Protein backbone atom coordinates (compact mmCIF):
# COMPACT_ATOMS: atom_id res chain seq x y z
CA UNK A 1 120.59 159.55 147.90
CA UNK A 2 122.05 156.95 145.66
CA UNK A 3 120.85 156.04 142.13
CA UNK A 4 119.12 152.72 143.59
CA UNK A 5 116.85 154.61 146.16
CA UNK A 6 116.01 157.28 143.51
CA UNK A 7 114.47 154.56 141.42
CA UNK A 8 111.77 154.28 143.93
CA UNK A 9 110.10 151.43 142.20
CA UNK A 10 112.76 149.08 142.94
CA UNK A 11 113.02 149.04 146.71
CA UNK A 12 109.17 149.20 146.60
CA UNK A 13 109.20 145.95 144.67
CA UNK A 14 112.01 144.35 147.10
CA UNK A 15 109.67 145.68 150.22
CA UNK A 16 106.55 143.86 148.66
CA UNK A 17 108.26 140.70 148.05
CA UNK A 18 109.96 140.78 151.54
CA UNK A 19 106.67 141.41 153.18
CA UNK A 20 105.18 138.29 151.11
CA UNK A 21 108.22 136.38 152.71
CA UNK A 22 107.21 137.60 156.22
CA UNK A 23 103.66 136.65 155.65
CA UNK A 24 104.52 133.14 154.48
CA UNK A 25 107.19 132.52 157.21
CA UNK A 26 106.10 128.82 157.19
CA UNK A 27 107.34 128.26 153.75
CA UNK A 28 110.74 129.44 154.70
CA UNK A 29 111.72 127.38 157.53
CA UNK A 30 110.18 129.42 160.69
CA UNK A 31 107.15 127.42 161.52
CA UNK A 32 107.03 128.59 165.11
CA UNK A 33 107.07 132.30 164.19
CA UNK A 34 103.50 131.97 162.61
CA UNK A 35 102.01 130.12 165.57
CA UNK A 36 103.19 132.31 168.26
CA UNK A 37 100.00 133.79 170.13
CA UNK A 38 100.86 137.46 170.28
CA UNK A 39 101.77 137.60 166.32
CA UNK A 40 98.08 136.57 165.46
CA UNK A 41 97.06 139.80 167.31
CA UNK A 42 98.94 142.32 165.08
CA UNK A 43 96.00 143.41 163.10
CA UNK A 44 97.35 144.66 159.99
CA UNK A 45 95.32 146.82 157.69
CA UNK A 46 95.78 144.94 154.35
CA UNK A 47 93.01 142.27 154.74
CA UNK A 48 94.69 139.25 153.33
CA UNK A 49 96.29 137.20 155.87
CA UNK A 50 93.37 134.97 156.71
CA UNK A 51 94.20 132.67 153.83
CA UNK A 52 97.86 132.37 154.58
CA UNK A 53 98.66 129.17 156.62
CA UNK A 54 100.24 130.14 159.97
CA UNK A 55 100.82 133.58 158.67
CA UNK A 56 102.14 135.79 161.81
CA UNK A 57 99.62 138.44 161.04
CA UNK A 58 95.86 138.76 160.92
CA UNK A 59 93.49 141.22 159.27
CA UNK A 60 91.36 143.68 160.76
CA UNK A 61 88.60 143.38 158.55
CA UNK A 62 88.38 139.48 159.17
CA UNK A 63 88.99 140.01 162.99
CA UNK A 64 85.56 141.99 163.21
CA UNK A 65 83.94 139.62 161.13
CA UNK A 66 84.69 136.71 162.96
CA UNK A 67 84.15 138.35 166.17
CA UNK A 68 80.57 139.64 165.17
CA UNK A 69 79.70 136.09 163.67
CA UNK A 70 80.91 133.95 166.67
CA UNK A 71 79.94 136.35 169.28
CA UNK A 72 82.10 138.48 171.88
CA UNK A 73 84.15 136.73 174.39
CA UNK A 74 85.71 139.92 175.72
CA UNK A 75 84.45 143.36 174.59
CA UNK A 76 87.92 144.61 174.99
CA UNK A 77 90.09 142.12 173.10
CA UNK A 78 87.42 141.22 170.71
CA UNK A 79 86.65 144.68 169.29
CA UNK A 80 88.21 147.73 171.09
CA UNK A 81 91.93 146.95 171.18
CA UNK A 82 91.90 145.51 167.53
CA UNK A 83 90.46 148.68 166.12
CA UNK A 84 92.76 150.73 168.33
CA UNK A 85 95.93 148.78 166.69
CA UNK A 86 94.13 149.52 163.56
CA UNK A 87 93.64 153.31 164.05
CA UNK A 88 97.49 153.63 165.23
CA UNK A 89 98.85 151.81 162.15
CA UNK A 90 96.82 153.98 159.71
CA UNK A 91 97.87 157.26 161.38
CA UNK A 92 101.40 156.23 161.28
CA UNK A 93 101.56 155.08 157.54
CA UNK A 94 98.35 155.86 156.15
CA UNK A 95 97.87 154.24 152.80
CA UNK A 96 101.38 153.35 152.55
CA UNK A 97 100.09 149.86 153.45
CA UNK A 98 98.77 149.72 149.86
CA UNK A 99 101.63 150.22 147.63
CA UNK A 100 104.56 148.73 149.79
CA UNK A 101 102.98 145.97 151.93
CA UNK A 102 99.64 144.67 150.58
CA UNK A 103 99.91 141.21 148.92
CA UNK A 104 97.16 142.12 146.60
CA UNK A 105 99.40 145.38 145.53
CA UNK A 106 102.42 142.93 144.23
CA UNK A 107 100.28 141.02 141.83
CA UNK A 108 98.95 144.21 140.32
CA UNK A 109 102.29 145.81 139.97
CA UNK A 110 103.76 142.57 138.34
CA UNK A 111 100.73 142.35 136.21
CA UNK A 112 101.48 146.15 135.07
CA UNK A 113 105.16 144.98 134.39
CA UNK A 114 104.07 141.97 132.31
CA UNK A 115 101.92 144.30 130.08
CA UNK A 116 104.70 146.82 129.65
CA UNK A 117 107.05 143.81 128.55
CA UNK A 118 104.61 142.52 126.27
CA UNK A 119 104.31 146.15 124.89
CA UNK A 120 100.56 146.36 125.37
CA UNK A 121 99.07 149.87 125.88
CA UNK A 122 97.32 150.36 129.20
CA UNK A 123 93.63 151.08 129.25
CA UNK A 124 93.50 154.83 130.58
CA UNK A 125 90.35 155.42 132.66
CA UNK A 126 88.52 158.76 132.14
CA UNK A 127 88.32 161.08 134.93
CA UNK A 128 84.72 160.62 135.72
CA UNK A 129 85.04 156.90 135.51
CA UNK A 130 88.22 156.97 137.94
CA UNK A 131 85.93 159.13 140.49
CA UNK A 132 83.02 156.76 140.31
CA UNK A 133 85.30 153.57 140.87
CA UNK A 134 86.96 155.44 143.90
CA UNK A 135 83.35 155.75 145.32
CA UNK A 136 82.42 152.24 144.71
CA UNK A 137 84.96 150.99 147.33
CA UNK A 138 82.63 153.07 150.14
CA UNK A 139 79.74 151.21 148.67
CA UNK A 140 81.60 148.02 149.17
CA UNK A 141 82.70 148.80 152.57
CA UNK A 142 79.09 149.67 153.67
CA UNK A 143 77.68 146.55 152.36
CA UNK A 144 80.65 144.41 154.06
CA UNK A 145 79.87 146.36 157.42
CA UNK A 146 76.11 146.12 157.29
CA UNK A 147 75.82 142.38 156.31
CA UNK A 148 78.52 141.61 158.94
CA UNK A 149 76.63 143.57 161.61
CA UNK A 150 73.55 141.51 160.49
CA UNK A 151 75.41 138.38 161.48
CA UNK A 152 76.68 139.63 164.62
CA UNK A 153 73.47 141.37 166.18
CA UNK A 154 70.15 138.99 165.58
CA UNK A 155 68.21 142.09 167.26
CA UNK A 156 68.49 143.91 163.98
CA UNK A 157 65.89 141.55 162.42
CA UNK A 158 67.85 140.03 159.91
CA UNK A 159 68.37 136.41 161.30
CA UNK A 160 67.98 134.96 157.52
CA UNK A 161 71.28 136.20 156.69
CA UNK A 162 73.09 134.04 159.18
CA UNK A 163 71.94 130.76 157.33
CA UNK A 164 71.47 132.04 153.85
CA UNK A 165 74.90 133.45 152.92
CA UNK A 166 78.53 133.05 154.27
CA UNK A 167 80.53 136.26 155.53
CA UNK A 168 80.80 138.41 152.54
CA UNK A 169 84.60 139.39 152.36
CA UNK A 170 85.61 135.89 152.55
CA UNK A 171 83.59 134.89 149.75
CA UNK A 172 84.66 138.02 147.59
CA UNK A 173 88.48 138.46 148.37
CA UNK A 174 90.46 137.46 145.50
CA UNK A 175 93.35 136.52 148.02
CA UNK A 176 91.26 133.25 148.99
CA UNK A 177 91.90 131.96 145.36
CA UNK A 178 95.35 133.41 144.86
CA UNK A 179 97.05 132.07 147.96
CA UNK A 180 94.99 128.95 148.97
CA UNK A 181 95.77 126.98 145.80
CA UNK A 182 99.68 127.52 146.09
CA UNK A 183 99.72 126.31 149.47
CA UNK A 184 97.38 123.23 148.64
CA UNK A 185 100.06 122.39 146.00
CA UNK A 186 103.02 122.69 148.61
CA UNK A 187 100.96 120.47 151.17
CA UNK A 188 100.25 123.26 153.74
CA UNK A 189 96.56 122.93 153.22
CA UNK A 190 94.37 119.83 152.67
CA UNK A 191 93.83 119.11 149.11
CA UNK A 192 89.68 119.42 149.73
CA UNK A 193 90.11 122.78 151.27
CA UNK A 194 87.26 124.91 149.77
CA UNK A 195 87.73 127.93 147.54
CA UNK A 196 84.28 129.64 146.88
CA UNK A 197 83.12 129.96 143.25
CA UNK A 198 82.70 133.68 144.15
CA UNK A 199 86.30 134.04 145.27
CA UNK A 200 87.33 132.29 142.00
CA UNK A 201 85.25 134.83 139.99
CA UNK A 202 86.58 137.54 141.88
CA UNK A 203 90.07 136.40 140.98
CA UNK A 204 89.32 136.34 137.36
CA UNK A 205 87.83 139.53 137.39
CA UNK A 206 91.18 140.83 139.33
CA UNK A 207 93.33 139.49 136.44
CA UNK A 208 91.14 140.57 133.68
CA UNK A 209 91.03 144.34 135.17
CA UNK A 210 94.51 144.72 136.84
CA UNK A 211 96.33 143.72 133.63
CA UNK A 212 95.17 146.54 131.48
CA UNK A 213 94.33 149.00 134.05
CA UNK A 214 97.09 150.11 136.64
CA UNK A 215 96.11 149.51 140.37
CA UNK A 216 92.17 148.67 139.46
CA UNK A 217 91.65 146.66 142.52
CA UNK A 218 93.12 149.65 144.84
CA UNK A 219 90.31 151.72 143.19
CA UNK A 220 87.41 149.60 144.70
CA UNK A 221 89.19 147.85 147.60
CA UNK A 222 86.99 147.92 150.74
CA UNK A 223 90.10 147.81 152.90
CA UNK A 224 91.30 151.04 151.23
CA UNK A 225 87.92 152.62 151.94
CA UNK A 226 88.91 151.99 155.76
CA UNK A 227 92.37 153.42 155.41
CA UNK A 228 91.32 156.46 152.98
CA UNK A 229 89.80 158.90 155.61
CA UNK A 230 93.01 158.81 157.58
CA UNK A 231 95.47 159.12 154.68
CA UNK A 232 95.82 162.88 154.65
CA UNK A 233 96.41 163.05 158.47
CA UNK A 234 98.93 160.45 158.81
CA UNK A 235 102.59 160.83 159.88
CA UNK A 236 103.68 160.10 156.18
CA UNK A 237 102.69 162.53 153.31
CA UNK A 238 103.19 163.56 149.90
CA UNK A 239 104.58 167.32 149.82
CA UNK A 240 104.84 169.83 146.99
CA UNK A 241 106.98 173.08 146.58
CA UNK A 242 104.80 174.74 144.09
CA UNK A 243 107.27 177.45 143.40
CA UNK A 244 109.34 174.77 141.40
CA UNK A 245 106.51 173.23 139.77
CA UNK A 246 106.42 173.92 135.99
CA UNK A 247 103.08 172.31 135.28
CA UNK A 248 104.38 169.73 132.93
CA UNK A 249 101.48 166.99 134.02
CA UNK A 250 103.90 164.19 134.37
CA UNK A 251 103.07 163.38 137.75
CA UNK A 252 99.25 162.89 136.60
CA UNK A 253 100.24 160.76 133.66
CA UNK A 254 102.27 158.38 135.89
CA UNK A 255 99.95 158.05 138.86
CA UNK A 256 98.26 154.57 138.90
CA UNK A 257 95.32 155.72 140.86
CA UNK A 258 94.49 158.62 138.36
CA UNK A 259 95.08 161.36 140.68
CA UNK A 260 95.11 164.84 139.22
CA UNK A 261 95.38 166.83 142.53
CA UNK A 262 99.23 166.62 142.81
CA UNK A 263 99.47 168.40 139.41
CA UNK A 264 96.69 170.88 139.74
CA UNK A 265 97.34 172.12 143.31
CA UNK A 266 98.72 175.31 143.06
CA UNK A 267 98.99 176.81 147.03
CA UNK A 268 99.02 173.82 149.52
CA UNK A 269 102.23 171.83 150.57
CA UNK A 270 100.62 168.80 151.59
CA UNK A 271 99.18 167.12 148.37
CA UNK A 272 98.28 163.59 149.72
CA UNK A 273 94.50 162.81 149.06
CA UNK A 274 92.49 159.95 150.56
CA UNK A 275 93.05 157.81 147.06
CA UNK A 276 96.95 158.16 147.29
CA UNK A 277 98.48 155.19 147.84
CA UNK A 278 102.13 156.24 148.59
CA UNK A 279 103.69 154.53 145.48
CA UNK A 280 105.75 157.57 144.80
CA UNK A 281 105.71 157.27 141.06
CA UNK A 282 105.04 160.97 140.72
CA UNK A 283 108.20 161.64 142.89
CA UNK A 284 110.37 159.24 140.88
CA UNK A 285 109.39 160.86 137.55
CA UNK A 286 109.19 164.61 138.41
CA UNK A 287 111.66 166.60 136.54
CA UNK A 288 112.29 169.31 138.86
CA UNK A 289 114.67 169.08 141.95
CA UNK A 290 112.70 168.90 145.14
CA UNK A 291 109.29 169.90 143.59
CA UNK A 292 107.75 166.83 145.18
CA UNK A 293 108.95 164.82 148.20
CA UNK A 294 107.86 162.54 150.86
CA UNK A 295 107.59 163.93 154.53
CA UNK A 296 107.73 161.73 157.57
CA UNK A 297 106.72 163.50 160.64
CA UNK A 298 107.42 166.77 159.01
CA UNK A 299 110.96 165.59 157.85
CA UNK A 300 111.58 165.24 154.14
CA UNK A 301 112.97 161.99 153.48
CA UNK A 302 112.86 161.75 149.80
CA UNK A 303 112.56 164.16 146.83
CA UNK A 304 112.28 164.40 143.12
CA UNK A 305 115.40 164.96 140.94
CA UNK A 306 116.12 166.81 137.52
CA UNK A 307 116.49 164.79 134.54
CA UNK A 308 120.15 164.46 134.98
CA UNK A 309 119.35 162.05 137.58
CA UNK A 310 117.68 159.72 134.98
CA UNK A 311 114.33 159.76 136.55
CA UNK A 312 112.15 161.19 133.53
CA UNK A 313 111.88 160.96 129.93
CA UNK A 314 111.62 157.22 129.95
CA UNK A 315 109.02 155.54 127.88
CA UNK A 316 108.11 153.44 130.86
CA UNK A 317 107.48 156.46 133.08
CA UNK A 318 105.58 158.97 130.69
CA UNK A 319 103.91 157.05 128.12
CA UNK A 320 102.60 153.94 130.07
């Protein structure tokens, strides 16, 4: 494994930018790609693409909300097949989507890099706060599903929801403000395209929290809550050789999701938890050869290296 791939953050950043280019294919001279009918039926787990004009993908969250609000056309195409596609993709990659492909992950990582460049110390979440935030995303998902169901099934006795408030996740998703305005500036959307006040406020909240706190939005993201139960059982997972662990705690310090189990686990090999977004900062910074690694369908494809490989003892990796 070459030094380029040992420094996992570099290829991950390239993958994030590459995925953003793919999602914005229209901007790069391939407008027909984003308008092909079947590409609009690829329901990716990261809930963003509704706000990218002619994006060649769609989001499972918005697909279900639009289906329930507008009424079913065909049961299988509108509900069953999108859910099956979603489950298959999650079982393949788990929350790998979050750290490598989600358009909301890239801005968070860039904000972290900016904070480091400015020399600002990060805000470290106490363990209890981190756990509470992780639980909040399930509450957010419940509220989104409950409200969406109230739109789609008048028999629930909540018809007033349909006229009093719009679909919730569309209003609260920071992606709407983040990606609609650049498209207006480029002439891809009309100047009068509306961005709800709630989305602007959420985007402001996103910037204010994700600058001082690593991956703050990933702690509370409802889309992440949909993926989390599948994470441990996906084909890709984080593995640990406990016989090589010196319990130095570096993995816990560098984890943007404030996960401690990788450090505290003393017996199990699979240390993937529901909150892990597969950024592999722990693998990147672990000072022991082969102690931590990435396994895909049972085959180890990436492992930690000793300090001689220049993966540890850096100010960025350990202190920030």
